[in-house]
Amino acid sequence: MHPFQVMAEPVRRRVVEILSSGEHSAGEIHEAVGQEFGITASAVSKHLAILRENQWVIVRAEWANRLYRLDPDGLWSLWYEVDWLKYLWARRTGVMAGITPELKHAFPFVPRPYPRARTGTTRGLRGEGRRENWEARHERSIEIEEKLRRGRANRWNRGGEPEQG
């Protein structure tokens, strides 16, 4: 399931918010989410199952309780998708080709297929781990932002007037 689909449901977003504070039992999650959204324990467990199937939470059994905690790989996949959208936006506005935003695409748009998650692995595109792939994209986006800042600084001289010629 795509990370945006996982986070599209308000109940699952709230569960992720709760789990971001630490490890909680299914009963604690139900108490918070059930009262807030008015849903039953079985509905909360279905949302937890969806999060577990998509590798957003890690479950640990302790006696009769199931303790849930957030898996960082789920957040990495969401950040990866947001970075991909930032990349497409930069391409759309012509930033990467160094042209003005009024022009059409710098390059033709080629949609990329979303890779299906494999169960029990953190491997993503091209055999790289999700974190490494995200870090490479994040470093690239920082390079693009720095290039933008330098371009804006070169466009104006110290007096605040546009450069001639």
C-alpha atoms as a PDB file:
ATOM      1  CA  MET A   1       0.000   0.000   0.000  1.00  0.00           C
ATOM      2  CA  HIS A   2       1.291   3.469  -0.858  1.00  0.00           C
ATOM      3  CA  PRO A   3       2.403   5.511   2.193  1.00  0.00           C
ATOM      4  CA  PHE A   4      -0.141   8.228   1.379  1.00  0.00           C
ATOM      5  CA  GLN A   5      -2.902   5.596   1.415  1.00  0.00           C
ATOM      6  CA  VAL A   6      -1.718   4.365   4.798  1.00  0.00           C
ATOM      7  CA  MET A   7      -1.811   7.897   6.222  1.00  0.00           C
ATOM      8  CA  ALA A   8      -5.036   8.902   4.431  1.00  0.00           C
ATOM      9  CA  GLU A   9      -7.253   7.506   7.196  1.00  0.00           C
ATOM     10  CA  PRO A  10      -7.550   9.905  10.194  1.00  0.00           C
ATOM     11  CA  VAL A  11      -7.668   7.013  12.659  1.00  0.00           C
ATOM     12  CA  ARG A  12      -4.357   5.621  11.392  1.00  0.00           C
ATOM     13  CA  ARG A  13      -2.785   9.086  11.463  1.00  0.00           C
ATOM     14  CA  ARG A  14      -3.852   9.413  15.097  1.00  0.00           C
ATOM     15  CA  VAL A  15      -2.463   5.950  15.917  1.00  0.00           C
ATOM     16  CA  VAL A  16       0.884   6.955  14.349  1.00  0.00           C
ATOM     17  CA  GLU A  17       0.838  10.165  16.428  1.00  0.00           C
ATOM     18  CA  ILE A  18       0.222   8.154  19.594  1.00  0.00           C
ATOM     19  CA  LEU A  19       2.944   5.631  18.757  1.00  0.00           C
ATOM     20  CA  SER A  20       5.436   8.400  18.019  1.00  0.00           C
ATOM     21  CA  SER A  21       5.556   9.013  21.788  1.00  0.00           C
ATOM     22  CA  GLY A  22       6.683   5.428  22.463  1.00  0.00           C
ATOM     23  CA  GLU A  23       5.468   1.868  22.894  1.00  0.00           C
ATOM     24  CA  HIS A  24       1.777   1.368  23.812  1.00  0.00           C
ATOM     25  CA  SER A  25      -0.516  -1.594  24.286  1.00  0.00           C
ATOM     26  CA  ALA A  26      -3.488  -2.207  22.022  1.00  0.00           C
ATOM     27  CA  GLY A  27      -5.809  -1.375  24.941  1.00  0.00           C
ATOM     28  CA  GLU A  28      -4.167   2.010  25.499  1.00  0.00           C
ATOM     29  CA  ILE A  29      -4.417   2.821  21.819  1.00  0.00           C
ATOM     30  CA  HIS A  30      -8.080   1.788  21.795  1.00  0.00           C
ATOM     31  CA  GLU A  31      -8.848   3.964  24.825  1.00  0.00           C
ATOM     32  CA  ALA A  32      -7.388   7.049  23.147  1.00  0.00           C
ATOM     33  CA  VAL A  33      -8.570   6.471  19.586  1.00  0.00           C
ATOM     34  CA  GLY A  34     -11.885   4.796  20.457  1.00  0.00           C
ATOM     35  CA  GLN A  35     -13.092   7.723  22.530  1.00  0.00           C
ATOM     36  CA  GLU A  36     -11.841  10.309  20.062  1.00  0.00           C
ATOM     37  CA  PHE A  37     -13.365   8.741  16.941  1.00  0.00           C
ATOM     38  CA  GLY A  38     -16.128   6.664  18.527  1.00  0.00           C
ATOM     39  CA  ILE A  39     -14.974   3.331  17.087  1.00  0.00           C
ATOM     40  CA  THR A  40     -14.857  -0.148  18.593  1.00  0.00           C
ATOM     41  CA  ALA A  41     -11.826  -2.163  19.678  1.00  0.00           C
ATOM     42  CA  SER A  42     -12.150  -4.411  16.611  1.00  0.00           C
ATOM     43  CA  ALA A  43     -12.013  -1.366  14.303  1.00  0.00           C
ATOM     44  CA  VAL A  44      -8.869  -0.143  16.063  1.00  0.00           C
ATOM     45  CA  SER A  45      -7.309  -3.597  15.742  1.00  0.00           C
ATOM     46  CA  LYS A  46      -8.075  -3.584  11.996  1.00  0.00           C
ATOM     47  CA  HIS A  47      -6.255  -0.271  11.637  1.00  0.00           C
ATOM     48  CA  LEU A  48      -3.343  -1.658  13.651  1.00  0.00           C
ATOM     49  CA  ALA A  49      -3.307  -4.718  11.377  1.00  0.00           C
ATOM     50  CA  ILE A  50      -3.120  -2.485   8.290  1.00  0.00           C
ATOM     51  CA  LEU A  51      -0.222  -0.576   9.840  1.00  0.00           C
ATOM     52  CA  ARG A  52       1.487  -3.863  10.727  1.00  0.00           C
ATOM     53  CA  GLU A  53       0.989  -5.344   7.224  1.00  0.00           C
ATOM     54  CA  ASN A  54       2.510  -2.231   5.659  1.00  0.00           C
ATOM     55  CA  GLN A  55       5.464  -2.289   8.078  1.00  0.00           C
ATOM     56  CA  TRP A  56       4.574   0.916   9.928  1.00  0.00           C
ATOM     57  CA  VAL A  57       4.443  -0.698  13.375  1.00  0.00           C
ATOM     58  CA  ILE A  58       6.350  -3.434  15.195  1.00  0.00           C
ATOM     59  CA  VAL A  59       4.408  -5.726  17.528  1.00  0.00           C
ATOM     60  CA  ARG A  60       5.841  -7.339  20.635  1.00  0.00           C
ATOM     61  CA  ALA A  61       3.842  -9.847  22.673  1.00  0.00           C
ATOM     62  CA  GLU A  62       4.233  -9.566  26.420  1.00  0.00           C
ATOM     63  CA  TRP A  63       2.095 -12.051  28.331  1.00  0.00           C
ATOM     64  CA  ALA A  64      -1.501 -11.312  27.335  1.00  0.00           C
ATOM     65  CA  ASN A  65      -0.729  -7.846  25.904  1.00  0.00           C
ATOM     66  CA  ARG A  66       0.445  -6.833  22.469  1.00  0.00           C
ATOM     67  CA  LEU A  67       2.743  -3.832  22.582  1.00  0.00           C
ATOM     68  CA  TYR A  68       2.986  -1.678  19.458  1.00  0.00           C
ATOM     69  CA  ARG A  69       5.747   0.712  18.530  1.00  0.00           C
ATOM     70  CA  LEU A  70       6.410   2.768  15.437  1.00  0.00           C
ATOM     71  CA  ASP A  71       8.740   1.322  12.801  1.00  0.00           C
ATOM     72  CA  PRO A  72      10.982   4.087  11.397  1.00  0.00           C
ATOM     73  CA  ASP A  73      10.938   2.481   7.940  1.00  0.00           C
ATOM     74  CA  GLY A  74       7.290   3.479   7.534  1.00  0.00           C
ATOM     75  CA  LEU A  75       8.151   7.115   8.101  1.00  0.00           C
ATOM     76  CA  TRP A  76      11.164   6.812   5.810  1.00  0.00           C
ATOM     77  CA  SER A  77       8.889   5.589   3.014  1.00  0.00           C
ATOM     78  CA  LEU A  78       6.592   8.592   3.570  1.00  0.00           C
ATOM     79  CA  TRP A  79       9.547  11.010   3.547  1.00  0.00           C
ATOM     80  CA  TYR A  80      10.835   9.349   0.395  1.00  0.00           C
ATOM     81  CA  GLU A  81       7.519   9.978  -1.350  1.00  0.00           C
ATOM     82  CA  VAL A  82       7.424  13.611  -0.192  1.00  0.00           C
ATOM     83  CA  ASP A  83      10.965  14.093  -1.510  1.00  0.00           C
ATOM     84  CA  TRP A  84       9.886  12.562  -4.821  1.00  0.00           C
ATOM     85  CA  LEU A  85       7.060  15.111  -5.035  1.00  0.00           C
ATOM     86  CA  LYS A  86       9.509  17.932  -4.240  1.00  0.00           C
ATOM     87  CA  TYR A  87      11.753  16.644  -7.025  1.00  0.00           C
ATOM     88  CA  LEU A  88       8.847  16.586  -9.494  1.00  0.00           C
ATOM     89  CA  TRP A  89       7.823  20.083  -8.413  1.00  0.00           C
ATOM     90  CA  ALA A  90      11.356  21.401  -8.954  1.00  0.00           C
ATOM     91  CA  ARG A  91      11.362  19.779 -12.388  1.00  0.00           C
ATOM     92  CA  ARG A  92       7.959  21.248 -13.168  1.00  0.00           C
ATOM     93  CA  THR A  93       9.024  24.781 -12.369  1.00  0.00           C
ATOM     94  CA  GLY A  94      12.232  24.431 -14.356  1.00  0.00           C
ATOM     95  CA  VAL A  95      14.529  24.834 -11.371  1.00  0.00           C
ATOM     96  CA  MET A  96      16.688  21.836 -12.223  1.00  0.00           C
ATOM     97  CA  ALA A  97      17.320  22.981 -15.807  1.00  0.00           C
ATOM     98  CA  GLY A  98      18.018  26.571 -14.744  1.00  0.00           C
ATOM     99  CA  ILE A  99      15.188  28.034 -16.809  1.00  0.00           C
ATOM    100  CA  THR A 100      12.405  30.382 -15.817  1.00  0.00           C
ATOM    101  CA  PRO A 101       9.253  28.874 -14.291  1.00  0.00           C
ATOM    102  CA  GLU A 102       7.060  30.183 -17.138  1.00  0.00           C
ATOM    103  CA  LEU A 103       8.459  27.623 -19.573  1.00  0.00           C
ATOM    104  CA  LYS A 104       7.166  24.097 -19.989  1.00  0.00           C
ATOM    105  CA  HIS A 105       8.747  21.029 -18.408  1.00  0.00           C
ATOM    106  CA  ALA A 106      12.506  20.913 -18.512  1.00  0.00           C
ATOM    107  CA  PHE A 107      12.263  17.226 -19.421  1.00  0.00           C
ATOM    108  CA  PRO A 108       9.264  15.108 -20.415  1.00  0.00           C
ATOM    109  CA  PHE A 109       7.472  13.638 -17.428  1.00  0.00           C
ATOM    110  CA  VAL A 110       7.996   9.909 -16.977  1.00  0.00           C
ATOM    111  CA  PRO A 111       5.912   8.484 -14.134  1.00  0.00           C
ATOM    112  CA  ARG A 112       7.713   5.957 -11.989  1.00  0.00           C
ATOM    113  CA  PRO A 113       5.972   2.830 -10.776  1.00  0.00           C
ATOM    114  CA  TYR A 114       5.663   2.564  -7.028  1.00  0.00           C
ATOM    115  CA  PRO A 115       7.576  -0.536  -5.910  1.00  0.00           C
ATOM    116  CA  ARG A 116       5.585  -3.084  -3.987  1.00  0.00           C
ATOM    117  CA  ALA A 117       6.805  -3.619  -0.467  1.00  0.00           C
ATOM    118  CA  ARG A 118       8.246  -7.025   0.242  1.00  0.00           C
ATOM    119  CA  THR A 119       7.279  -8.591   3.520  1.00  0.00           C
ATOM    120  CA  GLY A 120      10.009  -8.843   6.110  1.00  0.00           C
ATOM    121  CA  THR A 121      12.575  -6.710   4.304  1.00  0.00           C
ATOM    122  CA  THR A 122      13.628  -3.079   4.220  1.00  0.00           C
ATOM    123  CA  ARG A 123      14.959  -3.280   0.695  1.00  0.00           C
ATOM    124  CA  GLY A 124      13.470  -0.755  -1.697  1.00  0.00           C
ATOM    125  CA  LEU A 125      14.440   0.449  -5.154  1.00  0.00           C
ATOM    126  CA  ARG A 126      17.467  -0.970  -6.957  1.00  0.00           C
ATOM    127  CA  GLY A 127      18.475  -3.156  -4.019  1.00  0.00           C
ATOM    128  CA  GLU A 128      19.311  -0.204  -1.798  1.00  0.00           C
ATOM    129  CA  GLY A 129      17.877   0.150   1.666  1.00  0.00           C
ATOM    130  CA  ARG A 130      15.048   2.672   2.037  1.00  0.00           C
ATOM    131  CA  ARG A 131      17.058   4.847   4.393  1.00  0.00           C
ATOM    132  CA  GLU A 132      20.070   5.028   2.087  1.00  0.00           C
ATOM    133  CA  ASN A 133      17.834   5.773  -0.878  1.00  0.00           C
ATOM    134  CA  TRP A 134      16.036   8.511   1.061  1.00  0.00           C
ATOM    135  CA  GLU A 135      19.320   9.984   2.299  1.00  0.00           C
ATOM    136  CA  ALA A 136      20.668  10.168  -1.254  1.00  0.00           C
ATOM    137  CA  ARG A 137      17.508  11.940  -2.434  1.00  0.00           C
ATOM    138  CA  HIS A 138      17.597  14.240   0.588  1.00  0.00           C
ATOM    139  CA  GLU A 139      21.222  15.200  -0.109  1.00  0.00           C
ATOM    140  CA  ARG A 140      20.304  15.849  -3.752  1.00  0.00           C
ATOM    141  CA  SER A 141      17.407  18.117  -2.709  1.00  0.00           C
ATOM    142  CA  ILE A 142      19.754  20.073  -0.421  1.00  0.00           C
ATOM    143  CA  GLU A 143      22.172  20.508  -3.347  1.00  0.00           C
ATOM    144  CA  ILE A 144      19.307  21.795  -5.503  1.00  0.00           C
ATOM    145  CA  GLU A 145      18.222  24.275  -2.825  1.00  0.00           C
ATOM    146  CA  GLU A 146      21.800  25.571  -2.453  1.00  0.00           C
ATOM    147  CA  LYS A 147      22.082  25.961  -6.233  1.00  0.00           C
ATOM    148  CA  LEU A 148      18.826  27.933  -6.169  1.00  0.00           C
ATOM    149  CA  ARG A 149      20.107  30.225  -3.424  1.00  0.00           C
ATOM    150  CA  ARG A 150      23.352  30.848  -5.304  1.00  0.00           C
ATOM    151  CA  GLY A 151      21.397  31.568  -8.483  1.00  0.00           C
ATOM    152  CA  ARG A 152      19.209  34.106  -6.715  1.00  0.00           C
ATOM    153  CA  ALA A 153      22.246  35.743  -5.101  1.00  0.00           C
ATOM    154  CA  ASN A 154      24.020  36.052  -8.467  1.00  0.00           C
ATOM    155  CA  ARG A 155      20.928  37.572 -10.060  1.00  0.00           C
ATOM    156  CA  TRP A 156      21.078  40.694  -7.889  1.00  0.00           C
ATOM    157  CA  ASN A 157      24.037  42.951  -7.201  1.00  0.00           C
ATOM    158  CA  ARG A 158      24.664  44.669  -3.873  1.00  0.00           C
ATOM    159  CA  GLY A 159      22.556  47.734  -4.731  1.00  0.00           C
ATOM    160  CA  GLY A 160      19.435  45.659  -5.128  1.00  0.00           C
ATOM    161  CA  GLU A 161      19.111  46.351  -8.874  1.00  0.00           C
ATOM    162  CA  PRO A 162      19.066  43.629 -11.505  1.00  0.00           C
ATOM    163  CA  GLU A 163      22.412  43.071 -13.236  1.00  0.00           C
ATOM    164  CA  GLN A 164      22.726  44.411 -16.760  1.00  0.00           C
ATOM    165  CA  GLY A 165      23.325  42.150 -19.592  1.00  0.00           C
END
